[in-house]
Amino acid sequence: MSAEELENFETDLELQLYREYRDVAKLFQYVVETDRRFYLANSVRIEPVETKNGLYFDVELKDAWVWDIYRSARFVKHVHVMSFRDVNVEELTHADPFSLPGGPGQAPGGPHAP
């Protein structure tokens, strides 16, 4: 396999992963980013732990999806991460599928306005 074929293969895998992310993101409440991985999860617990060598974050995720090209199974029941670096957690807001365009919380003209 040439370097170009390998690069094309990895690009295709990333595109497939992005499409999967787009499809499953609506199933989760949180986006969690660590220095090594990117997760979607429905339950997040973070506990800072101080030791004599410094601070680390003990992170527990339940009902998660892992952004990883090389994993065959990205849905995970329980994830436990220990990180000495920053951990970013954001709560996702999903558009109400029953809301009317231009309704509360939407820009005038609806979500697809130019």
N, C-alpha and C. Protein backbone atom coordinates (compact mmCIF):
# COMPACT_ATOMS: atom_id res chain seq x y z
N MET A 1 0.86 -1.17 0.00
CA MET A 1 0.00 0.00 0.00
C MET A 1 0.90 1.23 0.00
N SER A 2 0.66 2.11 -0.94
CA SER A 2 1.48 3.32 -1.05
C SER A 2 1.08 4.33 0.03
N ALA A 3 1.91 5.33 0.23
CA ALA A 3 1.63 6.38 1.21
C ALA A 3 0.34 7.12 0.84
N GLU A 4 0.13 7.34 -0.44
CA GLU A 4 -1.08 8.03 -0.89
C GLU A 4 -2.33 7.19 -0.62
N GLU A 5 -2.23 5.86 -0.89
CA GLU A 5 -3.37 4.98 -0.62
C GLU A 5 -3.68 4.93 0.87
N LEU A 6 -2.65 4.91 1.69
CA LEU A 6 -2.83 4.90 3.14
C LEU A 6 -3.50 6.20 3.60
N GLU A 7 -3.05 7.32 3.06
CA GLU A 7 -3.65 8.61 3.40
C GLU A 7 -5.11 8.67 2.97
N ASN A 8 -5.41 8.18 1.77
CA ASN A 8 -6.80 8.14 1.30
C ASN A 8 -7.66 7.24 2.18
N PHE A 9 -7.10 6.10 2.60
CA PHE A 9 -7.81 5.18 3.48
C PHE A 9 -8.15 5.85 4.80
N GLU A 10 -7.18 6.54 5.41
CA GLU A 10 -7.40 7.22 6.68
C GLU A 10 -8.39 8.38 6.52
N THR A 11 -8.33 9.08 5.40
CA THR A 11 -9.27 10.17 5.14
C THR A 11 -10.69 9.62 5.04
N ASP A 12 -10.86 8.49 4.36
CA ASP A 12 -12.18 7.86 4.26
C ASP A 12 -12.68 7.42 5.64
N LEU A 13 -11.79 6.86 6.47
CA LEU A 13 -12.17 6.46 7.82
C LEU A 13 -12.62 7.66 8.65
N GLU A 14 -11.91 8.77 8.53
CA GLU A 14 -12.28 9.98 9.26
C GLU A 14 -13.63 10.52 8.81
N LEU A 15 -13.89 10.47 7.52
CA LEU A 15 -15.17 10.93 7.00
C LEU A 15 -16.31 10.04 7.52
N GLN A 16 -16.10 8.73 7.52
CA GLN A 16 -17.10 7.81 8.05
C GLN A 16 -17.34 8.07 9.54
N LEU A 17 -16.26 8.33 10.27
CA LEU A 17 -16.36 8.61 11.70
C LEU A 17 -17.13 9.91 11.94
N TYR A 18 -16.85 10.93 11.15
CA TYR A 18 -17.57 12.19 11.29
C TYR A 18 -19.07 11.99 11.03
N ARG A 19 -19.40 11.23 10.02
CA ARG A 19 -20.81 10.97 9.71
C ARG A 19 -21.49 10.21 10.85
N GLU A 20 -20.77 9.26 11.42
CA GLU A 20 -21.32 8.52 12.57
C GLU A 20 -21.53 9.48 13.74
N TYR A 21 -20.55 10.34 14.01
CA TYR A 21 -20.66 11.33 15.08
C TYR A 21 -21.90 12.20 14.87
N ARG A 22 -22.06 12.70 13.67
CA ARG A 22 -23.20 13.56 13.35
C ARG A 22 -24.52 12.84 13.61
N ASP A 23 -24.57 11.55 13.29
CA ASP A 23 -25.79 10.77 13.46
C ASP A 23 -26.08 10.44 14.92
N VAL A 24 -25.06 10.21 15.73
CA VAL A 24 -25.28 9.78 17.12
C VAL A 24 -25.25 10.92 18.13
N ALA A 25 -24.75 12.08 17.77
CA ALA A 25 -24.60 13.18 18.74
C ALA A 25 -25.92 13.53 19.41
N LYS A 26 -27.01 13.42 18.69
CA LYS A 26 -28.32 13.77 19.26
C LYS A 26 -28.77 12.81 20.36
N LEU A 27 -28.08 11.69 20.52
CA LEU A 27 -28.42 10.72 21.54
C LEU A 27 -27.75 11.00 22.88
N PHE A 28 -26.85 12.00 22.92
CA PHE A 28 -26.03 12.24 24.10
C PHE A 28 -26.22 13.64 24.67
N GLN A 29 -25.93 13.77 25.97
CA GLN A 29 -26.08 15.05 26.67
C GLN A 29 -24.80 15.86 26.72
N TYR A 30 -23.64 15.20 26.72
CA TYR A 30 -22.38 15.91 26.94
C TYR A 30 -21.33 15.56 25.89
N VAL A 31 -20.48 16.54 25.64
CA VAL A 31 -19.26 16.34 24.87
C VAL A 31 -18.12 16.46 25.87
N VAL A 32 -17.22 15.49 25.87
CA VAL A 32 -16.10 15.49 26.80
C VAL A 32 -14.82 15.36 26.00
N GLU A 33 -13.89 16.28 26.24
CA GLU A 33 -12.62 16.27 25.53
C GLU A 33 -11.48 16.18 26.53
N THR A 34 -10.66 15.16 26.37
CA THR A 34 -9.45 15.02 27.18
C THR A 34 -8.25 15.21 26.26
N ASP A 35 -7.06 15.12 26.80
CA ASP A 35 -5.88 15.30 25.96
C ASP A 35 -5.68 14.13 24.99
N ARG A 36 -6.35 13.01 25.22
CA ARG A 36 -6.16 11.85 24.35
C ARG A 36 -7.37 11.46 23.52
N ARG A 37 -8.58 11.79 23.99
CA ARG A 37 -9.78 11.32 23.31
C ARG A 37 -10.88 12.38 23.35
N PHE A 38 -11.88 12.12 22.52
CA PHE A 38 -13.09 12.94 22.42
C PHE A 38 -14.25 11.98 22.62
N TYR A 39 -15.18 12.33 23.53
CA TYR A 39 -16.28 11.45 23.86
C TYR A 39 -17.61 12.19 23.77
N LEU A 40 -18.66 11.44 23.56
CA LEU A 40 -20.03 11.86 23.81
C LEU A 40 -20.49 10.98 24.96
N ALA A 41 -21.26 11.54 25.90
CA ALA A 41 -21.70 10.75 27.05
C ALA A 41 -23.01 11.28 27.59
N ASN A 42 -23.71 10.42 28.32
CA ASN A 42 -24.94 10.83 28.96
C ASN A 42 -24.77 11.05 30.46
N SER A 43 -23.66 10.63 31.01
CA SER A 43 -23.36 10.86 32.42
C SER A 43 -21.87 11.14 32.56
N VAL A 44 -21.54 12.23 33.26
CA VAL A 44 -20.14 12.62 33.43
C VAL A 44 -19.90 12.95 34.90
N ARG A 45 -18.85 12.39 35.46
CA ARG A 45 -18.41 12.74 36.82
C ARG A 45 -16.93 13.07 36.74
N ILE A 46 -16.56 14.25 37.25
CA ILE A 46 -15.15 14.65 37.28
C ILE A 46 -14.79 14.99 38.71
N GLU A 47 -13.71 14.39 39.18
CA GLU A 47 -13.23 14.66 40.53
C GLU A 47 -11.75 15.04 40.45
N PRO A 48 -11.41 16.27 40.86
CA PRO A 48 -9.99 16.64 40.92
C PRO A 48 -9.35 15.91 42.12
N VAL A 49 -8.19 15.35 41.90
CA VAL A 49 -7.49 14.61 42.94
C VAL A 49 -6.09 15.21 43.10
N GLU A 50 -5.80 15.65 44.34
CA GLU A 50 -4.48 16.22 44.61
C GLU A 50 -3.60 15.15 45.23
N THR A 51 -2.39 15.04 44.69
CA THR A 51 -1.39 14.13 45.24
C THR A 51 -0.13 14.93 45.52
N LYS A 52 0.85 14.29 46.09
CA LYS A 52 2.11 15.00 46.36
C LYS A 52 2.82 15.38 45.06
N ASN A 53 2.47 14.70 43.96
CA ASN A 53 3.09 14.99 42.66
C ASN A 53 2.29 15.95 41.81
N GLY A 54 1.13 16.39 42.29
CA GLY A 54 0.34 17.32 41.52
C GLY A 54 -1.13 16.93 41.48
N LEU A 55 -1.85 17.59 40.61
CA LEU A 55 -3.29 17.43 40.48
C LEU A 55 -3.60 16.60 39.23
N TYR A 56 -4.56 15.69 39.37
CA TYR A 56 -5.09 15.02 38.18
C TYR A 56 -6.60 14.96 38.29
N PHE A 57 -7.23 14.69 37.16
CA PHE A 57 -8.68 14.62 37.11
C PHE A 57 -9.11 13.19 36.92
N ASP A 58 -9.96 12.72 37.81
CA ASP A 58 -10.54 11.39 37.72
C ASP A 58 -11.90 11.57 37.04
N VAL A 59 -12.04 11.04 35.84
CA VAL A 59 -13.23 11.26 35.03
C VAL A 59 -13.93 9.92 34.80
N GLU A 60 -15.22 9.91 35.04
CA GLU A 60 -16.02 8.72 34.80
C GLU A 60 -17.16 9.08 33.87
N LEU A 61 -17.29 8.32 32.79
CA LEU A 61 -18.36 8.52 31.82
C LEU A 61 -19.19 7.25 31.74
N LYS A 62 -20.48 7.44 31.59
CA LYS A 62 -21.37 6.29 31.40
C LYS A 62 -22.18 6.52 30.14
N ASP A 63 -22.48 5.42 29.47
CA ASP A 63 -23.25 5.47 28.22
C ASP A 63 -22.55 6.43 27.27
N ALA A 64 -21.41 6.00 26.74
CA ALA A 64 -20.55 6.90 25.97
C ALA A 64 -20.31 6.39 24.55
N TRP A 65 -19.82 7.32 23.73
CA TRP A 65 -19.38 7.05 22.37
C TRP A 65 -18.00 7.67 22.25
N VAL A 66 -17.05 6.92 21.68
CA VAL A 66 -15.65 7.35 21.61
C VAL A 66 -15.28 7.70 20.18
N TRP A 67 -14.68 8.89 20.00
CA TRP A 67 -14.17 9.30 18.69
C TRP A 67 -12.81 8.64 18.53
N ASP A 68 -12.77 7.56 17.78
CA ASP A 68 -11.52 6.83 17.55
C ASP A 68 -11.67 6.04 16.25
N ILE A 69 -10.90 6.40 15.27
CA ILE A 69 -10.97 5.77 13.95
C ILE A 69 -10.75 4.26 14.02
N TYR A 70 -9.86 3.83 14.89
CA TYR A 70 -9.41 2.45 14.87
C TYR A 70 -10.21 1.52 15.79
N ARG A 71 -11.23 2.04 16.47
CA ARG A 71 -12.07 1.19 17.32
C ARG A 71 -13.19 0.60 16.48
N SER A 72 -13.42 -0.66 16.63
CA SER A 72 -14.54 -1.28 15.90
C SER A 72 -15.85 -1.04 16.66
N ALA A 73 -15.79 -0.96 17.99
CA ALA A 73 -16.98 -0.71 18.81
C ALA A 73 -16.77 0.62 19.53
N ARG A 74 -17.49 1.64 19.08
CA ARG A 74 -17.30 2.96 19.68
C ARG A 74 -18.28 3.25 20.82
N PHE A 75 -19.36 2.49 20.92
CA PHE A 75 -20.29 2.66 22.03
C PHE A 75 -19.75 1.91 23.24
N VAL A 76 -19.64 2.63 24.36
CA VAL A 76 -19.03 2.05 25.56
C VAL A 76 -19.95 2.30 26.74
N LYS A 77 -20.16 1.29 27.56
CA LYS A 77 -21.04 1.41 28.72
C LYS A 77 -20.41 2.26 29.82
N HIS A 78 -19.10 2.10 30.05
CA HIS A 78 -18.42 2.79 31.14
C HIS A 78 -16.99 3.13 30.73
N VAL A 79 -16.60 4.38 30.96
CA VAL A 79 -15.24 4.82 30.64
C VAL A 79 -14.67 5.48 31.89
N HIS A 80 -13.44 5.13 32.22
CA HIS A 80 -12.74 5.74 33.36
C HIS A 80 -11.42 6.31 32.84
N VAL A 81 -11.24 7.63 33.01
CA VAL A 81 -10.06 8.32 32.50
C VAL A 81 -9.39 9.06 33.66
N MET A 82 -8.08 9.01 33.70
CA MET A 82 -7.30 9.84 34.62
C MET A 82 -6.41 10.73 33.78
N SER A 83 -6.54 12.04 33.98
CA SER A 83 -5.82 12.98 33.14
C SER A 83 -5.10 14.02 33.98
N PHE A 84 -3.84 14.28 33.65
CA PHE A 84 -3.08 15.34 34.30
C PHE A 84 -3.25 16.66 33.55
N ARG A 85 -3.99 16.62 32.47
CA ARG A 85 -4.24 17.82 31.66
C ARG A 85 -5.69 18.24 31.78
N ASP A 86 -6.01 19.34 31.12
CA ASP A 86 -7.38 19.85 31.16
C ASP A 86 -8.38 18.84 30.62
N VAL A 87 -9.57 18.88 31.17
CA VAL A 87 -10.70 18.10 30.69
C VAL A 87 -11.82 19.09 30.42
N ASN A 88 -12.34 19.08 29.21
CA ASN A 88 -13.39 20.01 28.81
C ASN A 88 -14.71 19.24 28.71
N VAL A 89 -15.75 19.75 29.39
CA VAL A 89 -17.08 19.15 29.33
C VAL A 89 -18.06 20.22 28.90
N GLU A 90 -18.83 19.92 27.88
CA GLU A 90 -19.86 20.83 27.41
C GLU A 90 -21.19 20.09 27.35
N GLU A 91 -22.23 20.78 27.79
CA GLU A 91 -23.57 20.19 27.68
C GLU A 91 -24.13 20.52 26.32
N LEU A 92 -24.61 19.51 25.63
CA LEU A 92 -25.19 19.70 24.30
C LEU A 92 -26.61 20.22 24.41
N THR A 93 -26.99 21.06 23.50
CA THR A 93 -28.39 21.48 23.40
C THR A 93 -28.88 20.99 22.05
N HIS A 94 -29.96 20.28 22.08
CA HIS A 94 -30.53 19.73 20.85
C HIS A 94 -31.77 20.53 20.50
N ALA A 95 -31.89 20.86 19.24
CA ALA A 95 -33.07 21.59 18.79
C ALA A 95 -34.31 20.73 19.01
N ASP A 96 -35.36 21.38 19.43
CA ASP A 96 -36.64 20.70 19.62
C ASP A 96 -37.22 20.35 18.25
N PRO A 97 -37.41 19.07 17.94
CA PRO A 97 -37.90 18.70 16.61
C PRO A 97 -39.33 19.20 16.35
N PHE A 98 -40.04 19.62 17.40
CA PHE A 98 -41.41 20.08 17.24
C PHE A 98 -41.52 21.60 17.23
N SER A 99 -40.38 22.32 17.29
CA SER A 99 -40.44 23.77 17.31
C SER A 99 -40.67 24.29 15.89
N LEU A 100 -41.28 25.47 15.82
CA LEU A 100 -41.54 26.11 14.53
C LEU A 100 -40.38 27.01 14.16
N PRO A 101 -40.03 27.10 12.88
CA PRO A 101 -38.97 28.01 12.47
C PRO A 101 -39.26 29.42 12.95
N GLY A 102 -38.24 30.09 13.48
CA GLY A 102 -38.39 31.44 13.99
C GLY A 102 -38.97 31.48 15.39
N GLY A 103 -39.16 30.30 16.00
CA GLY A 103 -39.71 30.23 17.35
C GLY A 103 -38.66 30.65 18.38
N PRO A 104 -38.99 30.55 19.67
CA PRO A 104 -38.05 30.95 20.72
C PRO A 104 -36.72 30.22 20.59
N GLY A 105 -35.64 30.97 20.75
CA GLY A 105 -34.30 30.38 20.69
C GLY A 105 -33.75 30.21 19.30
N GLN A 106 -34.48 30.62 18.27
CA GLN A 106 -33.99 30.48 16.91
C GLN A 106 -33.85 31.85 16.27
N ALA A 107 -32.92 31.96 15.39
CA ALA A 107 -32.72 33.21 14.68
C ALA A 107 -33.90 33.45 13.74
N PRO A 108 -34.23 34.70 13.50
CA PRO A 108 -35.32 34.98 12.55
C PRO A 108 -35.06 34.28 11.22
N GLY A 109 -36.08 33.68 10.69
CA GLY A 109 -35.93 32.97 9.43
C GLY A 109 -35.72 31.49 9.62
N GLY A 110 -35.55 31.02 10.86
CA GLY A 110 -35.42 29.59 11.12
C GLY A 110 -33.99 29.10 11.02
N PRO A 111 -33.79 27.81 11.29
CA PRO A 111 -32.44 27.26 11.33
C PRO A 111 -31.75 27.19 9.99
N HIS A 112 -32.48 27.24 8.90
CA HIS A 112 -31.87 27.10 7.58
C HIS A 112 -31.84 28.41 6.80
N ALA A 113 -32.05 29.52 7.51
CA ALA A 113 -32.04 30.82 6.82
C ALA A 113 -30.63 31.17 6.36
N PRO A 114 -30.48 31.83 5.23
CA PRO A 114 -29.14 32.18 4.74
C PRO A 114 -28.48 33.22 5.60
